């Protein structure tokens, strides 16, 4: 049995993608805008041993399987057809496939590509979400290369969901590189600032500050004394240089440290933009309690993070692609869980909103940036890592569009007695 016949037996004869293989066989729609090409027998090893998204990812990241055409379109077709129809392989089909491929493909283990986080690496760093293990996880994802992140994220160097208006959010502006993304990222920081009610002279803590975008915005636009903390050494070094270049040294600062080590009781406002995903469900209560302790009475917290659409979904899939390749130990909770944890930690909840569609647009712009400067990205981090990012961002666009994941901002206040120090109606 040739590989094209196996493909047809697994996904059906009417797949809206074209399939080709090293054995010369082909299947699917010959006029499709995307083609899956199994380039080598190693790809078959990966797929035989993990006949799911992990096997496909291993084969693609290692270059043994090629995808020709737009990655988002390919994943959308797979979601619409293959996953929707389901795999209807009879026991007879399965025996025929195993006999054709050969048992050796199932038992001759091929090591995953180096971009995959090995379980042994994490086990050697202690329990999940311990300080030592968190540092390793952050290093894996964020200390790839500042130059690579500049290529993907653009001038704002902001790796969190932007906030678009109708003009900047037009789909036909994706790929125009005309400043729509940068404008939307400024709008996000401005929205956070308005929700926090930043005023000159206030002291802001930004936990998980990345390359310092919020810290610099708060200092530059509002005269706030801002401190950012990150576990990524490369982020901290890049951010410190940018603060100096912008002449903000007297107001803004980035520290390479764990947020848990920041002193308590000394901040008027706290922003947490994209950190909660790394905290873990069982640590939400102490996390928000620690942030509450760092605020003065009347202080505010704005928590911005990716969420599940339902509170009863598992926070993580340890065997999934995202956990293995992108965010090891990453956990996503429902908005109700996060809001409850904030409330139980002493915050009065004042506002909540879902920016799901905005993150899909943000990811589209990042993906376009990567495609435009693909050669530069590959030269910086290698083709395997660049392939991880291409796959991950396209898949996340689909995830946000189809409500697999969401993005919530939740505003909480640490009451000053019974006074929230909030206006009767918000101005954001």
Protein backbone atom coordinates (compact mmCIF):
# COMPACT_ATOMS: atom_id res chain seq x y z
CA UNK A 1 0.00 0.00 0.00
CA UNK A 2 1.47 3.36 -1.04
CA UNK A 3 1.37 6.36 1.26
CA UNK A 4 -1.32 8.17 -0.72
CA UNK A 5 -3.65 5.21 -0.29
CA UNK A 6 -2.98 5.20 3.45
CA UNK A 7 -3.78 8.91 3.51
CA UNK A 8 -7.11 8.29 1.76
CA UNK A 9 -8.03 5.45 4.10
CA UNK A 10 -7.29 7.58 7.16
CA UNK A 11 -8.85 10.93 6.16
CA UNK A 12 -11.10 9.87 3.28
CA UNK A 13 -10.89 10.42 -0.48
CA UNK A 14 -12.38 13.93 -0.48
CA UNK A 15 -9.85 15.80 1.62
CA UNK A 16 -9.61 19.48 0.54
CA UNK A 17 -5.81 19.36 0.61
CA UNK A 18 -3.29 17.80 -1.77
CA UNK A 19 -1.09 14.99 -0.49
CA UNK A 20 2.22 13.91 -2.02
CA UNK A 21 4.91 11.53 -0.78
CA UNK A 22 8.49 10.45 -1.42
CA UNK A 23 7.22 7.18 -2.93
CA UNK A 24 5.73 9.14 -5.84
CA UNK A 25 2.10 8.70 -4.80
CA UNK A 26 -0.43 11.51 -4.44
CA UNK A 27 -4.01 11.97 -3.24
CA UNK A 28 -6.54 14.62 -2.27
CA UNK A 29 -7.57 17.70 -4.23
CA UNK A 30 -4.98 18.33 -6.98
CA UNK A 31 -6.10 21.98 -7.18
CA UNK A 32 -5.90 22.68 -3.45
CA UNK A 33 -4.05 25.79 -2.30
CA UNK A 34 -2.14 23.72 0.25
CA UNK A 35 -0.09 20.55 -0.11
CA UNK A 36 1.20 18.16 2.53
CA UNK A 37 4.37 16.47 1.31
CA UNK A 38 5.83 13.50 3.20
CA UNK A 39 9.45 13.95 2.22
CA UNK A 40 11.21 11.05 3.96
CA UNK A 41 10.50 7.74 5.73
CA UNK A 42 11.37 9.39 9.06
CA UNK A 43 8.11 11.34 8.80
CA UNK A 44 6.29 8.00 8.68
CA UNK A 45 8.11 6.92 11.85
CA UNK A 46 6.89 10.02 13.66
CA UNK A 47 3.33 9.60 12.42
CA UNK A 48 3.23 5.86 13.16
CA UNK A 49 4.46 6.37 16.71
CA UNK A 50 2.25 9.39 17.39
CA UNK A 51 -0.69 9.38 14.94
CA UNK A 52 -1.90 12.77 16.12
CA UNK A 53 -0.91 16.45 16.19
CA UNK A 54 2.32 15.64 18.05
CA UNK A 55 3.49 13.28 15.31
CA UNK A 56 2.64 15.81 12.60
CA UNK A 57 4.47 18.53 14.53
CA UNK A 58 7.58 16.40 14.98
CA UNK A 59 7.65 15.54 11.30
CA UNK A 60 7.10 19.16 10.23
CA UNK A 61 9.49 20.81 12.69
CA UNK A 62 12.26 18.37 11.76
CA UNK A 63 11.70 19.01 8.04
CA UNK A 64 10.71 15.45 7.16
CA UNK A 65 7.21 16.65 6.32
CA UNK A 66 6.67 19.81 4.31
CA UNK A 67 3.61 22.00 4.04
CA UNK A 68 3.35 24.06 0.88
CA UNK A 69 1.00 27.02 1.04
CA UNK A 70 -0.44 29.07 3.88
CA UNK A 71 -0.20 27.37 7.27
CA UNK A 72 -3.40 28.91 8.62
CA UNK A 73 -5.36 27.77 5.57
CA UNK A 74 -3.97 24.26 5.93
CA UNK A 75 -4.92 24.04 9.60
CA UNK A 76 -8.37 25.45 8.89
CA UNK A 77 -8.95 22.81 6.22
CA UNK A 78 -7.81 20.11 8.61
CA UNK A 79 -10.10 21.41 11.33
CA UNK A 80 -13.05 21.72 8.97
CA UNK A 81 -12.65 18.36 7.29
CA UNK A 82 -10.30 15.84 8.83
CA UNK A 83 -11.04 16.58 12.49
CA UNK A 84 -14.72 17.25 11.86
CA UNK A 85 -15.26 14.05 9.87
CA UNK A 86 -13.20 11.99 12.24
CA UNK A 87 -10.88 9.12 11.39
CA UNK A 88 -12.86 6.09 10.30
CA UNK A 89 -10.30 3.34 10.03
CA UNK A 90 -11.62 -0.21 10.28
CA UNK A 91 -9.61 -2.95 11.99
CA UNK A 92 -8.94 -4.42 8.54
CA UNK A 93 -7.66 -1.03 7.32
CA UNK A 94 -5.44 -0.74 10.36
CA UNK A 95 -3.92 -4.17 9.81
CA UNK A 96 -3.31 -3.32 6.16
CA UNK A 97 -1.65 -0.03 7.10
CA UNK A 98 0.57 -1.65 9.72
CA UNK A 99 1.51 -4.38 7.27
CA UNK A 100 2.30 -1.85 4.57
CA UNK A 101 4.24 0.57 6.74
CA UNK A 102 5.98 -2.18 8.66
CA UNK A 103 6.09 -2.89 12.35
CA UNK A 104 9.54 -1.36 12.53
CA UNK A 105 8.02 2.09 12.01
CA UNK A 106 6.02 1.64 15.19
CA UNK A 107 8.75 0.23 17.40
CA UNK A 108 11.90 1.94 16.06
CA UNK A 109 11.69 5.11 18.10
CA UNK A 110 12.98 8.28 16.46
CA UNK A 111 14.07 11.01 18.90
CA UNK A 112 11.88 14.13 18.84
CA UNK A 113 13.45 17.26 17.32
CA UNK A 114 15.52 19.34 19.77
CA UNK A 115 12.83 22.04 19.91
CA UNK A 116 10.64 19.72 21.98
CA UNK A 117 10.97 20.13 25.72
CA UNK A 118 11.92 16.76 27.20
CA UNK A 119 10.15 15.61 30.36
CA UNK A 120 13.47 14.69 31.92
CA UNK A 121 14.70 18.27 31.59
CA UNK A 122 11.78 19.57 33.60
CA UNK A 123 11.84 16.77 36.17
CA UNK A 124 15.39 17.75 36.99
CA UNK A 125 14.22 21.27 37.85
CA UNK A 126 11.84 20.34 40.65
CA UNK A 127 8.06 20.37 40.96
CA UNK A 128 5.86 22.27 38.51
CA UNK A 129 5.88 26.05 39.10
CA UNK A 130 8.71 25.99 41.60
CA UNK A 131 11.07 28.95 41.15
CA UNK A 132 13.84 26.85 39.62
CA UNK A 133 11.51 25.08 37.19
CA UNK A 134 9.69 28.29 36.21
CA UNK A 135 13.05 29.84 35.39
CA UNK A 136 13.88 26.91 33.08
CA UNK A 137 10.49 27.12 31.35
CA UNK A 138 10.80 30.87 30.79
CA UNK A 139 14.33 30.39 29.48
CA UNK A 140 13.07 27.75 27.01
CA UNK A 141 10.52 30.08 25.46
CA UNK A 142 11.76 33.63 25.91
CA UNK A 143 15.54 33.36 25.72
CA UNK A 144 15.43 32.19 22.10
CA UNK A 145 16.88 35.38 20.61
CA UNK A 146 15.94 39.02 21.04
CA UNK A 147 16.64 39.56 17.35
CA UNK A 148 14.17 36.81 16.48
CA UNK A 149 11.50 38.38 18.66
CA UNK A 150 12.14 41.76 17.03
CA UNK A 151 11.46 40.09 13.68
CA UNK A 152 8.18 38.55 14.82
CA UNK A 153 6.80 41.17 17.20
CA UNK A 154 7.82 44.29 15.31
CA UNK A 155 8.93 47.66 16.72
CA UNK A 156 6.68 47.51 19.81
CA UNK A 157 8.49 44.36 21.01
CA UNK A 158 5.25 43.37 22.74
CA UNK A 159 4.39 39.70 23.06
CA UNK A 160 0.81 40.02 24.31
CA UNK A 161 -2.59 40.70 22.79
CA UNK A 162 -2.99 44.10 21.13
CA UNK A 163 -6.24 46.10 21.11
CA UNK A 164 -7.50 47.11 17.67
CA UNK A 165 -10.04 49.66 16.55
CA UNK A 166 -12.12 49.07 13.41
CA UNK A 167 -9.56 50.76 11.16
CA UNK A 168 -6.43 49.04 12.46
CA UNK A 169 -8.34 45.78 12.80
CA UNK A 170 -9.21 45.45 9.10
CA UNK A 171 -8.04 42.05 7.82
CA UNK A 172 -6.68 43.54 4.61
CA UNK A 173 -4.13 45.48 6.66
CA UNK A 174 -2.49 42.27 7.87
CA UNK A 175 0.72 42.03 5.89
CA UNK A 176 0.75 45.69 4.87
CA UNK A 177 3.24 46.50 7.66
CA UNK A 178 1.81 50.01 7.85
CA UNK A 179 1.87 50.43 11.62
CA UNK A 180 -1.52 48.88 12.44
CA UNK A 181 0.02 46.42 14.91
CA UNK A 182 2.15 49.06 16.62
CA UNK A 183 -0.87 51.37 16.92
CA UNK A 184 -2.90 48.51 18.43
CA UNK A 185 -0.18 47.67 20.95
CA UNK A 186 -0.02 51.32 22.05
CA UNK A 187 -3.81 51.22 22.39
CA UNK A 188 -3.52 48.13 24.61
CA UNK A 189 -1.06 49.80 26.95
CA UNK A 190 -3.23 52.91 27.00
CA UNK A 191 -6.29 50.80 27.87
CA UNK A 192 -4.41 49.14 30.74
CA UNK A 193 -3.22 52.55 31.93
CA UNK A 194 -6.74 53.98 31.93
CA UNK A 195 -8.16 50.97 33.75
CA UNK A 196 -5.46 51.34 36.37
CA UNK A 197 -6.01 55.10 36.53
CA UNK A 198 -2.30 55.84 36.26
CA UNK A 199 -1.25 59.31 37.41
CA UNK A 200 2.09 61.06 37.66
CA UNK A 201 4.07 60.05 40.72
CA UNK A 202 2.35 56.68 41.19
CA UNK A 203 4.44 53.54 41.62
CA UNK A 204 3.61 50.69 39.21
CA UNK A 205 4.76 47.07 39.35
CA UNK A 206 4.51 45.12 36.08
CA UNK A 207 4.95 41.39 36.77
CA UNK A 208 6.16 39.26 33.90
CA UNK A 209 7.11 42.48 32.13
CA UNK A 210 8.60 40.98 28.98
CA UNK A 211 10.82 43.51 27.21
CA UNK A 212 9.38 46.36 29.24
CA UNK A 213 6.64 47.70 26.98
CA UNK A 214 4.19 48.51 29.78
CA UNK A 215 6.94 49.86 32.04
CA UNK A 216 8.18 52.27 29.38
CA UNK A 217 4.65 53.29 28.38
CA UNK A 218 3.66 54.08 31.97
CA UNK A 219 6.82 56.11 32.57
CA UNK A 220 6.78 57.93 29.23
CA UNK A 221 3.07 58.66 28.87
CA UNK A 222 2.01 59.07 32.52
CA UNK A 223 5.11 60.00 34.52
CA UNK A 224 4.74 56.85 36.62
CA UNK A 225 7.65 55.29 38.48
CA UNK A 226 7.51 51.81 37.02
CA UNK A 227 9.30 48.60 37.96
CA UNK A 228 9.10 45.51 35.78
CA UNK A 229 10.22 42.01 36.74
CA UNK A 230 10.95 39.07 34.46
CA UNK A 231 12.60 35.65 34.76
CA UNK A 232 14.16 36.07 31.32
CA UNK A 233 17.69 37.43 31.47
CA UNK A 234 17.64 38.38 27.79
CA UNK A 235 14.39 40.30 28.19
CA UNK A 236 15.75 42.20 31.18
CA UNK A 237 18.95 43.17 29.37
CA UNK A 238 17.10 44.29 26.24
CA UNK A 239 14.56 46.27 28.25
CA UNK A 240 17.22 48.03 30.32
CA UNK A 241 18.99 49.17 27.17
CA UNK A 242 15.77 50.48 25.64
CA UNK A 243 14.89 52.35 28.84
CA UNK A 244 18.27 54.10 28.68
CA UNK A 245 17.87 54.89 24.97
CA UNK A 246 14.49 56.50 25.62
CA UNK A 247 15.83 58.57 28.50
CA UNK A 248 13.55 56.92 31.05
CA UNK A 249 16.20 55.71 33.50
CA UNK A 250 14.92 57.94 36.29
CA UNK A 251 11.39 56.54 36.06
CA UNK A 252 11.54 53.01 34.61
CA UNK A 253 13.43 49.92 35.75
CA UNK A 254 13.48 46.23 34.84
CA UNK A 255 14.73 43.62 37.26
CA UNK A 256 15.72 40.05 36.44
CA UNK A 257 13.90 38.39 39.32
CA UNK A 258 10.89 36.33 40.37
CA UNK A 259 7.74 38.35 41.12
CA UNK A 260 7.50 36.45 44.41
CA UNK A 261 10.66 38.17 45.62
CA UNK A 262 9.33 41.73 45.15
CA UNK A 263 8.78 43.50 48.52
CA UNK A 264 5.18 43.90 49.73
CA UNK A 265 3.10 46.99 50.37
CA UNK A 266 4.88 49.51 48.20
CA UNK A 267 2.95 49.84 44.91
CA UNK A 268 -0.06 51.91 43.93
CA UNK A 269 -0.84 49.80 40.87
CA UNK A 270 0.07 46.37 39.44
CA UNK A 271 -0.25 45.13 35.88
CA UNK A 272 0.02 41.44 35.07
CA UNK A 273 0.00 41.10 31.29
CA UNK A 274 0.51 37.55 30.10
CA UNK A 275 1.98 36.07 33.28
CA UNK A 276 -1.00 34.20 34.79
CA UNK A 277 -0.68 31.52 32.08
CA UNK A 278 2.60 30.47 33.74
CA UNK A 279 1.29 30.40 37.32
CA UNK A 280 -0.74 27.19 37.42
CA UNK A 281 -4.30 26.56 38.61
CA UNK A 282 -3.30 25.37 42.09
CA UNK A 283 -1.18 28.50 42.56
CA UNK A 284 -3.80 31.10 41.63
CA UNK A 285 -4.80 31.77 45.24
CA UNK A 286 -1.28 32.44 46.55
CA UNK A 287 -0.45 34.34 43.34
CA UNK A 288 -3.23 36.87 43.72
CA UNK A 289 -2.74 37.01 47.48
CA UNK A 290 0.90 37.97 46.93
CA UNK A 291 -0.07 40.69 44.45
CA UNK A 292 -2.68 42.00 46.86
CA UNK A 293 -0.02 42.20 49.58
CA UNK A 294 2.23 44.30 47.33
CA UNK A 295 -0.44 46.99 46.88
CA UNK A 296 -1.24 49.93 49.12
CA UNK A 297 -4.89 50.28 50.24
CA UNK A 298 -6.91 51.60 47.31
CA UNK A 299 -4.47 50.07 44.83
CA UNK A 300 -5.56 48.36 41.63
CA UNK A 301 -4.57 45.20 39.75
CA UNK A 302 -5.19 44.67 36.04
CA UNK A 303 -4.83 41.00 35.14
CA UNK A 304 -4.58 40.26 31.40
CA UNK A 305 -4.27 36.62 30.35
CA UNK A 306 -5.32 33.86 27.96
CA UNK A 307 -8.27 31.86 29.28
CA UNK A 308 -10.35 28.79 28.56
CA UNK A 309 -13.92 29.38 27.34
CA UNK A 310 -15.24 27.23 30.18
CA UNK A 311 -14.28 26.94 33.82
CA UNK A 312 -14.54 23.14 33.88
CA UNK A 313 -11.93 22.41 31.18
CA UNK A 314 -8.53 20.95 32.04
CA UNK A 315 -5.98 23.74 32.49
CA UNK A 316 -3.29 21.93 30.52
CA UNK A 317 -2.58 18.99 28.25
CA UNK A 318 0.84 17.67 29.22
CA UNK A 319 0.99 15.56 26.05
CA UNK A 320 -0.12 18.33 23.68
CA UNK A 321 1.90 20.28 21.13
CA UNK A 322 1.73 23.62 22.97
CA UNK A 323 3.01 22.10 26.21
CA UNK A 324 5.83 20.24 24.49
CA UNK A 325 7.00 22.93 22.09
CA UNK A 326 5.83 26.37 23.12
CA UNK A 327 4.76 26.83 26.75
CA UNK A 328 5.98 23.96 28.93
CA UNK A 329 3.98 23.90 32.17
CA UNK A 330 1.61 26.53 30.78
CA UNK A 331 -1.91 26.37 32.22
CA UNK A 332 -5.08 28.15 31.16
CA UNK A 333 -8.09 28.59 33.43
CA UNK A 334 -11.59 29.85 32.79
CA UNK A 335 -12.33 33.53 33.49
CA UNK A 336 -14.60 32.58 36.36
CA UNK A 337 -11.79 30.72 38.10
CA UNK A 338 -9.44 33.67 37.76
CA UNK A 339 -12.05 36.17 38.90
CA UNK A 340 -12.93 33.99 41.90
CA UNK A 341 -9.28 33.65 42.89
CA UNK A 342 -8.83 37.43 42.66
CA UNK A 343 -11.96 37.99 44.72
CA UNK A 344 -10.93 35.45 47.35
CA UNK A 345 -7.50 37.13 47.60
CA UNK A 346 -9.16 40.36 48.67
CA UNK A 347 -9.77 42.16 45.37
CA UNK A 348 -13.10 43.76 44.63
CA UNK A 349 -13.82 43.05 40.95
CA UNK A 350 -14.67 46.24 39.08
CA UNK A 351 -14.50 45.30 35.40
CA UNK A 352 -13.95 42.35 33.06
CA UNK A 353 -13.83 42.02 29.28
CA UNK A 354 -12.95 39.43 26.64
CA UNK A 355 -10.55 40.43 23.85
CA UNK A 356 -10.61 37.10 22.02
CA UNK A 357 -10.93 38.50 18.49
CA UNK A 358 -8.13 40.98 19.18
CA UNK A 359 -5.67 38.20 19.91
CA UNK A 360 -6.53 36.41 16.67
CA UNK A 361 -5.70 39.64 14.82
CA UNK A 362 -2.50 40.14 16.82
CA UNK A 363 -1.32 36.65 15.91
CA UNK A 364 -2.11 37.24 12.24
CA UNK A 365 0.19 40.25 12.27
CA UNK A 366 2.97 38.32 14.04
CA UNK A 367 2.64 35.52 11.50
CA UNK A 368 2.88 38.01 8.64
CA UNK A 369 6.00 39.50 10.21
CA UNK A 370 7.57 36.05 10.39
CA UNK A 371 6.75 35.22 6.77
CA UNK A 372 8.09 38.55 5.51
CA UNK A 373 11.45 38.05 7.22
CA UNK A 374 11.54 34.25 7.13
CA UNK A 375 15.15 34.02 6.00
CA UNK A 376 16.30 36.39 8.72
CA UNK A 377 14.37 34.43 11.35
CA UNK A 378 15.84 31.11 10.18
CA UNK A 379 19.33 32.59 10.20
CA UNK A 380 18.80 33.72 13.78
CA UNK A 381 17.25 30.64 15.43
CA UNK A 382 17.40 27.83 12.87
CA UNK A 383 14.68 26.44 10.63
CA UNK A 384 13.26 24.05 13.23
CA UNK A 385 12.47 26.80 15.74
CA UNK A 386 11.10 29.07 13.02
CA UNK A 387 8.82 26.21 11.93
CA UNK A 388 7.57 25.82 15.52
CA UNK A 389 6.57 29.47 15.53
CA UNK A 390 4.91 29.33 12.12
CA UNK A 391 2.81 26.36 13.21
CA UNK A 392 2.08 27.67 16.70
CA UNK A 393 0.92 31.13 15.62
CA UNK A 394 -1.29 29.87 12.80
CA UNK A 395 -2.85 27.32 15.12
CA UNK A 396 -3.49 29.97 17.76
CA UNK A 397 -5.21 32.25 15.24
CA UNK A 398 -7.62 29.41 14.58
CA UNK A 399 -7.98 28.73 18.30
CA UNK A 400 -9.01 32.28 19.14
CA UNK A 401 -11.28 32.60 16.11
CA UNK A 402 -13.10 29.39 17.00
CA UNK A 403 -13.40 30.12 20.71
CA UNK A 404 -11.05 27.34 21.80
CA UNK A 405 -9.26 29.99 23.86
CA UNK A 406 -10.07 33.52 24.95
CA UNK A 407 -8.27 36.58 26.37
CA UNK A 408 -9.60 38.31 29.47
CA UNK A 409 -8.72 41.52 31.25
CA UNK A 410 -10.00 41.65 34.83
CA UNK A 411 -9.67 44.75 37.00
CA UNK A 412 -9.58 44.39 40.78
CA UNK A 413 -9.24 46.90 43.61
CA UNK A 414 -7.72 46.45 47.06
CA UNK A 415 -10.25 48.40 49.08
CA UNK A 416 -9.17 51.22 51.38
CA UNK A 417 -11.57 50.28 54.14
CA UNK A 418 -14.71 50.30 52.03
CA UNK A 419 -13.48 52.92 49.53
CA UNK A 420 -12.46 51.66 46.09
CA UNK A 421 -11.17 55.09 44.97
CA UNK A 422 -12.93 54.48 41.64
CA UNK A 423 -15.02 56.98 39.64
CA UNK A 424 -18.77 56.39 39.58
CA UNK A 425 -18.45 55.47 35.90
CA UNK A 426 -15.21 54.20 34.33
CA UNK A 427 -13.46 56.25 31.65
CA UNK A 428 -12.16 53.31 29.65
